[in-house]
Amino acid sequence: MRAAHNPFIEMVLDPLMEVFLQQIKVTNTFNTGWEAHRNIFIEIQAHNPVGARQAVRRLMKMTLTDSRKALSNINAV
C-alpha cells in the first residue's frame, strides 16, 4: 500500500486490513470466505442466477457476522 505513494489508498485500506486481520483471529482461519466464494463461482459456472444470488447472500451474511465480531474485538482493545 505504501509503495503506491498514494495516501488515499492507505487511508482506505488500513482500516479494512485491521478488520480483515481481526476476522482471521475471530474465525481462526486464513481462508475466511474461500468456500463461500467457491460456491458462488460454481453457481455462476452452472448458469444458475438464483443459486448464485443465494450464495452471495450467504457470503454477505457470513461477512457481516464476522465483521461485527472483529469490530467488537477492535473496540474492546
PDB file of N, CA and C in Angstrom:
ATOM      1  N   MET A   1       0.815  -1.181   0.000  1.00  0.00           N
ATOM      2  CA  MET A   1       0.000   0.000   0.000  1.00  0.00           C
ATOM      3  C   MET A   1       0.871   1.262   0.000  1.00  0.00           C
ATOM      4  N   ARG A   2       1.859   1.262   0.828  1.00  0.00           N
ATOM      5  CA  ARG A   2       2.727   2.438   0.904  1.00  0.00           C
ATOM      6  C   ARG A   2       3.554   2.606  -0.366  1.00  0.00           C
ATOM      7  N   ALA A   3       3.820   1.501  -1.048  1.00  0.00           N
ATOM      8  CA  ALA A   3       4.622   1.559  -2.271  1.00  0.00           C
ATOM      9  C   ALA A   3       3.918   2.347  -3.369  1.00  0.00           C
ATOM     10  N   ALA A   4       2.602   2.451  -3.289  1.00  0.00           N
ATOM     11  CA  ALA A   4       1.851   3.196  -4.293  1.00  0.00           C
ATOM     12  C   ALA A   4       2.039   4.708  -4.134  1.00  0.00           C
ATOM     13  N   HIS A   5       2.546   5.117  -2.979  1.00  0.00           N
ATOM     14  CA  HIS A   5       2.730   6.543  -2.686  1.00  0.00           C
ATOM     15  C   HIS A   5       1.430   7.316  -2.851  1.00  0.00           C
ATOM     16  N   ASN A   6       0.338   6.675  -2.480  1.00  0.00           N
ATOM     17  CA  ASN A   6      -0.972   7.301  -2.563  1.00  0.00           C
ATOM     18  C   ASN A   6      -1.591   7.260  -1.167  1.00  0.00           C
ATOM     19  N   PRO A   7      -1.621   8.396  -0.467  1.00  0.00           N
ATOM     20  CA  PRO A   7      -2.132   8.392   0.912  1.00  0.00           C
ATOM     21  C   PRO A   7      -3.598   7.995   1.007  1.00  0.00           C
ATOM     22  N   PHE A   8      -4.363   8.203  -0.061  1.00  0.00           N
ATOM     23  CA  PHE A   8      -5.782   7.851  -0.014  1.00  0.00           C
ATOM     24  C   PHE A   8      -5.984   6.336   0.012  1.00  0.00           C
ATOM     25  N   ILE A   9      -5.154   5.616  -0.724  1.00  0.00           N
ATOM     26  CA  ILE A   9      -5.232   4.144  -0.698  1.00  0.00           C
ATOM     27  C   ILE A   9      -4.945   3.657   0.711  1.00  0.00           C
ATOM     28  N   GLU A  10      -3.928   4.219   1.314  1.00  0.00           N
ATOM     29  CA  GLU A  10      -3.565   3.818   2.673  1.00  0.00           C
ATOM     30  C   GLU A  10      -4.682   4.154   3.664  1.00  0.00           C
ATOM     31  N   MET A  11      -5.298   5.324   3.505  1.00  0.00           N
ATOM     32  CA  MET A  11      -6.379   5.733   4.409  1.00  0.00           C
ATOM     33  C   MET A  11      -7.574   4.791   4.304  1.00  0.00           C
ATOM     34  N   VAL A  12      -7.838   4.284   3.127  1.00  0.00           N
ATOM     35  CA  VAL A  12      -8.982   3.398   2.921  1.00  0.00           C
ATOM     36  C   VAL A  12      -8.648   1.970   3.322  1.00  0.00           C
ATOM     37  N   LEU A  13      -7.477   1.505   2.925  1.00  0.00           N
ATOM     38  CA  LEU A  13      -7.149   0.091   3.120  1.00  0.00           C
ATOM     39  C   LEU A  13      -6.662  -0.258   4.523  1.00  0.00           C
ATOM     40  N   ASP A  14      -6.033   0.669   5.224  1.00  0.00           N
ATOM     41  CA  ASP A  14      -5.551   0.364   6.574  1.00  0.00           C
ATOM     42  C   ASP A  14      -6.675  -0.106   7.506  1.00  0.00           C
ATOM     43  N   PRO A  15      -7.800   0.630   7.592  1.00  0.00           N
ATOM     44  CA  PRO A  15      -8.883   0.136   8.461  1.00  0.00           C
ATOM     45  C   PRO A  15      -9.460  -1.196   7.987  1.00  0.00           C
ATOM     46  N   LEU A  16      -9.555  -1.369   6.674  1.00  0.00           N
ATOM     47  CA  LEU A  16     -10.071  -2.636   6.149  1.00  0.00           C
ATOM     48  C   LEU A  16      -9.138  -3.789   6.490  1.00  0.00           C
ATOM     49  N   MET A  17      -7.849  -3.536   6.406  1.00  0.00           N
ATOM     50  CA  MET A  17      -6.870  -4.567   6.745  1.00  0.00           C
ATOM     51  C   MET A  17      -6.978  -4.947   8.220  1.00  0.00           C
ATOM     52  N   GLU A  18      -7.194  -3.954   9.071  1.00  0.00           N
ATOM     53  CA  GLU A  18      -7.345  -4.232  10.502  1.00  0.00           C
ATOM     54  C   GLU A  18      -8.560  -5.116  10.753  1.00  0.00           C
ATOM     55  N   VAL A  19      -9.664  -4.819  10.094  1.00  0.00           N
ATOM     56  CA  VAL A  19     -10.870  -5.649  10.252  1.00  0.00           C
ATOM     57  C   VAL A  19     -10.614  -7.047   9.706  1.00  0.00           C
ATOM     58  N   PHE A  20      -9.949  -7.144   8.565  1.00  0.00           N
ATOM     59  CA  PHE A  20      -9.646  -8.450   7.980  1.00  0.00           C
ATOM     60  C   PHE A  20      -8.779  -9.283   8.921  1.00  0.00           C
ATOM     61  N   LEU A  21      -7.767  -8.661   9.504  1.00  0.00           N
ATOM     62  CA  LEU A  21      -6.901  -9.387  10.438  1.00  0.00           C
ATOM     63  C   LEU A  21      -7.682  -9.843  11.667  1.00  0.00           C
ATOM     64  N   GLN A  22      -8.595  -9.015  12.139  1.00  0.00           N
ATOM     65  CA  GLN A  22      -9.431  -9.419  13.269  1.00  0.00           C
ATOM     66  C   GLN A  22     -10.358 -10.564  12.874  1.00  0.00           C
ATOM     67  N   GLN A  23     -10.861 -10.547  11.636  1.00  0.00           N
ATOM     68  CA  GLN A  23     -11.702 -11.643  11.172  1.00  0.00           C
ATOM     69  C   GLN A  23     -10.935 -12.957  11.191  1.00  0.00           C
ATOM     70  N   ILE A  24      -9.682 -12.905  10.813  1.00  0.00           N
ATOM     71  CA  ILE A  24      -8.849 -14.112  10.847  1.00  0.00           C
ATOM     72  C   ILE A  24      -8.749 -14.619  12.280  1.00  0.00           C
ATOM     73  N   LYS A  25      -8.559 -13.704  13.229  1.00  0.00           N
ATOM     74  CA  LYS A  25      -8.476 -14.100  14.641  1.00  0.00           C
ATOM     75  C   LYS A  25      -9.802 -14.664  15.129  1.00  0.00           C
ATOM     76  N   VAL A  26     -10.913 -14.012  14.770  1.00  0.00           N
ATOM     77  CA  VAL A  26     -12.238 -14.433  15.224  1.00  0.00           C
ATOM     78  C   VAL A  26     -12.598 -15.798  14.661  1.00  0.00           C
ATOM     79  N   THR A  27     -12.351 -15.993  13.369  1.00  0.00           N
ATOM     80  CA  THR A  27     -12.740 -17.251  12.727  1.00  0.00           C
ATOM     81  C   THR A  27     -11.668 -18.325  12.852  1.00  0.00           C
ATOM     82  N   ASN A  28     -10.475 -17.913  13.297  1.00  0.00           N
ATOM     83  CA  ASN A  28      -9.362 -18.831  13.477  1.00  0.00           C
ATOM     84  C   ASN A  28      -8.986 -19.531  12.170  1.00  0.00           C
ATOM     85  N   THR A  29      -9.064 -18.783  11.078  1.00  0.00           N
ATOM     86  CA  THR A  29      -8.710 -19.350   9.786  1.00  0.00           C
ATOM     87  C   THR A  29      -8.207 -18.266   8.848  1.00  0.00           C
ATOM     88  N   PHE A  30      -7.302 -18.639   7.969  1.00  0.00           N
ATOM     89  CA  PHE A  30      -6.781 -17.707   6.978  1.00  0.00           C
ATOM     90  C   PHE A  30      -7.592 -17.734   5.689  1.00  0.00           C
ATOM     91  N   ASN A  31      -8.413 -18.739   5.517  1.00  0.00           N
ATOM     92  CA  ASN A  31      -9.181 -18.852   4.267  1.00  0.00           C
ATOM     93  C   ASN A  31     -10.633 -18.457   4.484  1.00  0.00           C
ATOM     94  N   THR A  32     -10.845 -17.403   5.258  1.00  0.00           N
ATOM     95  CA  THR A  32     -12.186 -16.903   5.529  1.00  0.00           C
ATOM     96  C   THR A  32     -12.917 -16.625   4.221  1.00  0.00           C
ATOM     97  N   GLY A  33     -14.060 -17.247   4.054  1.00  0.00           N
ATOM     98  CA  GLY A  33     -14.886 -16.991   2.880  1.00  0.00           C
ATOM     99  C   GLY A  33     -14.515 -17.778   1.636  1.00  0.00           C
ATOM    100  N   TRP A  34     -13.445 -18.529   1.692  1.00  0.00           N
ATOM    101  CA  TRP A  34     -12.994 -19.259   0.498  1.00  0.00           C
ATOM    102  C   TRP A  34     -14.081 -20.183  -0.043  1.00  0.00           C
ATOM    103  N   GLU A  35     -14.670 -20.967   0.823  1.00  0.00           N
ATOM    104  CA  GLU A  35     -15.702 -21.919   0.394  1.00  0.00           C
ATOM    105  C   GLU A  35     -16.930 -21.176  -0.137  1.00  0.00           C
ATOM    106  N   ALA A  36     -17.292 -20.076   0.502  1.00  0.00           N
ATOM    107  CA  ALA A  36     -18.445 -19.297   0.048  1.00  0.00           C
ATOM    108  C   ALA A  36     -18.198 -18.719  -1.345  1.00  0.00           C
ATOM    109  N   HIS A  37     -16.991 -18.209  -1.581  1.00  0.00           N
ATOM    110  CA  HIS A  37     -16.666 -17.689  -2.911  1.00  0.00           C
ATOM    111  C   HIS A  37     -16.662 -18.819  -3.951  1.00  0.00           C
ATOM    112  N   ARG A  38     -16.188 -19.968  -3.538  1.00  0.00           N
ATOM    113  CA  ARG A  38     -16.178 -21.130  -4.441  1.00  0.00           C
ATOM    114  C   ARG A  38     -17.605 -21.502  -4.830  1.00  0.00           C
ATOM    115  N   ASN A  39     -18.520 -21.471  -3.857  1.00  0.00           N
ATOM    116  CA  ASN A  39     -19.920 -21.793  -4.136  1.00  0.00           C
ATOM    117  C   ASN A  39     -20.536 -20.799  -5.122  1.00  0.00           C
ATOM    118  N   ILE A  40     -20.194 -19.529  -4.982  1.00  0.00           N
ATOM    119  CA  ILE A  40     -20.682 -18.520  -5.928  1.00  0.00           C
ATOM    120  C   ILE A  40     -20.179 -18.846  -7.327  1.00  0.00           C
ATOM    121  N   PHE A  41     -18.897 -19.138  -7.423  1.00  0.00           N
ATOM    122  CA  PHE A  41     -18.302 -19.474  -8.718  1.00  0.00           C
ATOM    123  C   PHE A  41     -18.984 -20.677  -9.352  1.00  0.00           C
ATOM    124  N   ILE A  42     -19.232 -21.699  -8.568  1.00  0.00           N
ATOM    125  CA  ILE A  42     -19.875 -22.915  -9.084  1.00  0.00           C
ATOM    126  C   ILE A  42     -21.257 -22.595  -9.636  1.00  0.00           C
ATOM    127  N   GLU A  43     -22.011 -21.769  -8.911  1.00  0.00           N
ATOM    128  CA  GLU A  43     -23.360 -21.412  -9.373  1.00  0.00           C
ATOM    129  C   GLU A  43     -23.309 -20.577 -10.651  1.00  0.00           C
ATOM    130  N   ILE A  44     -22.364 -19.665 -10.731  1.00  0.00           N
ATOM    131  CA  ILE A  44     -22.219 -18.863 -11.951  1.00  0.00           C
ATOM    132  C   ILE A  44     -21.818 -19.762 -13.119  1.00  0.00           C
ATOM    133  N   GLN A  45     -20.871 -20.647 -12.847  1.00  0.00           N
ATOM    134  CA  GLN A  45     -20.404 -21.570 -13.885  1.00  0.00           C
ATOM    135  C   GLN A  45     -21.555 -22.448 -14.383  1.00  0.00           C
ATOM    136  N   ALA A  46     -22.483 -22.778 -13.494  1.00  0.00           N
ATOM    137  CA  ALA A  46     -23.641 -23.607 -13.856  1.00  0.00           C
ATOM    138  C   ALA A  46     -24.767 -22.778 -14.472  1.00  0.00           C
ATOM    139  N   HIS A  47     -24.517 -21.487 -14.675  1.00  0.00           N
ATOM    140  CA  HIS A  47     -25.529 -20.584 -15.246  1.00  0.00           C
ATOM    141  C   HIS A  47     -26.805 -20.588 -14.406  1.00  0.00           C
ATOM    142  N   ASN A  48     -26.609 -20.560 -13.094  1.00  0.00           N
ATOM    143  CA  ASN A  48     -27.724 -20.590 -12.152  1.00  0.00           C
ATOM    144  C   ASN A  48     -27.786 -19.263 -11.395  1.00  0.00           C
ATOM    145  N   PRO A  49     -28.496 -18.271 -11.931  1.00  0.00           N
ATOM    146  CA  PRO A  49     -28.516 -16.963 -11.272  1.00  0.00           C
ATOM    147  C   PRO A  49     -29.169 -16.988  -9.888  1.00  0.00           C
ATOM    148  N   VAL A  50     -30.179 -17.819  -9.713  1.00  0.00           N
ATOM    149  CA  VAL A  50     -30.834 -17.901  -8.403  1.00  0.00           C
ATOM    150  C   VAL A  50     -29.869 -18.485  -7.377  1.00  0.00           C
ATOM    151  N   GLY A  51     -29.207 -19.571  -7.745  1.00  0.00           N
ATOM    152  CA  GLY A  51     -28.232 -20.181  -6.837  1.00  0.00           C
ATOM    153  C   GLY A  51     -27.073 -19.246  -6.543  1.00  0.00           C
ATOM    154  N   ALA A  52     -26.613 -18.510  -7.554  1.00  0.00           N
ATOM    155  CA  ALA A  52     -25.525 -17.558  -7.356  1.00  0.00           C
ATOM    156  C   ALA A  52     -25.950 -16.448  -6.401  1.00  0.00           C
ATOM    157  N   ARG A  53     -27.154 -15.942  -6.596  1.00  0.00           N
ATOM    158  CA  ARG A  53     -27.673 -14.889  -5.721  1.00  0.00           C
ATOM    159  C   ARG A  53     -27.772 -15.385  -4.280  1.00  0.00           C
ATOM    160  N   GLN A  54     -28.255 -16.591  -4.101  1.00  0.00           N
ATOM    161  CA  GLN A  54     -28.357 -17.158  -2.753  1.00  0.00           C
ATOM    162  C   GLN A  54     -26.978 -17.353  -2.134  1.00  0.00           C
ATOM    163  N   ALA A  55     -26.021 -17.793  -2.942  1.00  0.00           N
ATOM    164  CA  ALA A  55     -24.656 -17.990  -2.442  1.00  0.00           C
ATOM    165  C   ALA A  55     -24.033 -16.654  -2.042  1.00  0.00           C
ATOM    166  N   VAL A  56     -24.293 -15.620  -2.829  1.00  0.00           N
ATOM    167  CA  VAL A  56     -23.776 -14.286  -2.481  1.00  0.00           C
ATOM    168  C   VAL A  56     -24.406 -13.816  -1.173  1.00  0.00           C
ATOM    169  N   ARG A  57     -25.687 -14.028  -1.022  1.00  0.00           N
ATOM    170  CA  ARG A  57     -26.356 -13.615   0.227  1.00  0.00           C
ATOM    171  C   ARG A  57     -25.784 -14.349   1.434  1.00  0.00           C
ATOM    172  N   ARG A  58     -25.495 -15.641   1.277  1.00  0.00           N
ATOM    173  CA  ARG A  58     -24.875 -16.386   2.385  1.00  0.00           C
ATOM    174  C   ARG A  58     -23.507 -15.803   2.711  1.00  0.00           C
ATOM    175  N   LEU A  59     -22.726 -15.487   1.671  1.00  0.00           N
ATOM    176  CA  LEU A  59     -21.409 -14.892   1.887  1.00  0.00           C
ATOM    177  C   LEU A  59     -21.534 -13.553   2.599  1.00  0.00           C
ATOM    178  N   MET A  60     -22.461 -12.724   2.165  1.00  0.00           N
ATOM    179  CA  MET A  60     -22.626 -11.404   2.780  1.00  0.00           C
ATOM    180  C   MET A  60     -23.057 -11.522   4.239  1.00  0.00           C
ATOM    181  N   LYS A  61     -23.936 -12.468   4.527  1.00  0.00           N
ATOM    182  CA  LYS A  61     -24.376 -12.676   5.915  1.00  0.00           C
ATOM    183  C   LYS A  61     -23.203 -13.128   6.782  1.00  0.00           C
ATOM    184  N   MET A  62     -22.407 -14.055   6.256  1.00  0.00           N
ATOM    185  CA  MET A  62     -21.236 -14.535   6.989  1.00  0.00           C
ATOM    186  C   MET A  62     -20.241 -13.395   7.204  1.00  0.00           C
ATOM    187  N   THR A  63     -20.026 -12.584   6.161  1.00  0.00           N
ATOM    188  CA  THR A  63     -19.097 -11.460   6.257  1.00  0.00           C
ATOM    189  C   THR A  63     -19.580 -10.452   7.282  1.00  0.00           C
ATOM    190  N   LEU A  64     -20.861 -10.163   7.285  1.00  0.00           N
ATOM    191  CA  LEU A  64     -21.422  -9.219   8.254  1.00  0.00           C
ATOM    192  C   LEU A  64     -21.230  -9.722   9.678  1.00  0.00           C
ATOM    193  N   THR A  65     -21.531 -10.982   9.897  1.00  0.00           N
ATOM    194  CA  THR A  65     -21.371 -11.575  11.231  1.00  0.00           C
ATOM    195  C   THR A  65     -19.915 -11.526  11.680  1.00  0.00           C
ATOM    196  N   ASP A  66     -19.010 -11.961  10.808  1.00  0.00           N
ATOM    197  CA  ASP A  66     -17.587 -11.970  11.160  1.00  0.00           C
ATOM    198  C   ASP A  66     -17.049 -10.554  11.354  1.00  0.00           C
ATOM    199  N   SER A  67     -17.498  -9.621  10.524  1.00  0.00           N
ATOM    200  CA  SER A  67     -17.031  -8.231  10.638  1.00  0.00           C
ATOM    201  C   SER A  67     -17.499  -7.606  11.944  1.00  0.00           C
ATOM    202  N   ARG A  68     -18.722  -7.887  12.313  1.00  0.00           N
ATOM    203  CA  ARG A  68     -19.242  -7.355  13.603  1.00  0.00           C
ATOM    204  C   ARG A  68     -18.419  -7.899  14.765  1.00  0.00           C
ATOM    205  N   LYS A  69     -18.107  -9.183  14.732  1.00  0.00           N
ATOM    206  CA  LYS A  69     -17.275  -9.771  15.791  1.00  0.00           C
ATOM    207  C   LYS A  69     -15.896  -9.125  15.805  1.00  0.00           C
ATOM    208  N   ALA A  70     -15.323  -8.953  14.619  1.00  0.00           N
ATOM    209  CA  ALA A  70     -13.996  -8.357  14.522  1.00  0.00           C
ATOM    210  C   ALA A  70     -14.005  -6.917  15.028  1.00  0.00           C
ATOM    211  N   LEU A  71     -15.009  -6.149  14.635  1.00  0.00           N
ATOM    212  CA  LEU A  71     -15.108  -4.757  15.081  1.00  0.00           C
ATOM    213  C   LEU A  71     -15.322  -4.670  16.591  1.00  0.00           C
ATOM    214  N   SER A  72     -16.076  -5.574  17.146  1.00  0.00           N
ATOM    215  CA  SER A  72     -16.267  -5.539  18.608  1.00  0.00           C
ATOM    216  C   SER A  72     -14.968  -5.865  19.320  1.00  0.00           C
ATOM    217  N   ASN A  73     -14.145  -6.753  18.719  1.00  0.00           N
ATOM    218  CA  ASN A  73     -12.827  -7.042  19.292  1.00  0.00           C
ATOM    219  C   ASN A  73     -11.917  -5.832  19.216  1.00  0.00           C
ATOM    220  N   ILE A  74     -11.961  -5.120  18.093  1.00  0.00           N
ATOM    221  CA  ILE A  74     -11.140  -3.928  17.934  1.00  0.00           C
ATOM    222  C   ILE A  74     -11.565  -2.862  18.941  1.00  0.00           C
ATOM    223  N   ASN A  75     -12.861  -2.666  19.090  1.00  0.00           N
ATOM    224  CA  ASN A  75     -13.382  -1.657  20.010  1.00  0.00           C
ATOM    225  C   ASN A  75     -13.120  -2.012  21.465  1.00  0.00           C
ATOM    226  N   ALA A  76     -12.986  -3.297  21.756  1.00  0.00           N
ATOM    227  CA  ALA A  76     -12.738  -3.738  23.134  1.00  0.00           C
ATOM    228  C   ALA A  76     -11.288  -3.478  23.566  1.00  0.00           C
ATOM    229  N   VAL A  77     -10.415  -3.296  22.596  1.00  0.00           N
ATOM    230  CA  VAL A  77      -8.989  -3.108  22.899  1.00  0.00           C
ATOM    231  C   VAL A  77      -8.704  -1.715  23.342  1.00  0.00           C
TER     232      VAL A  77
END
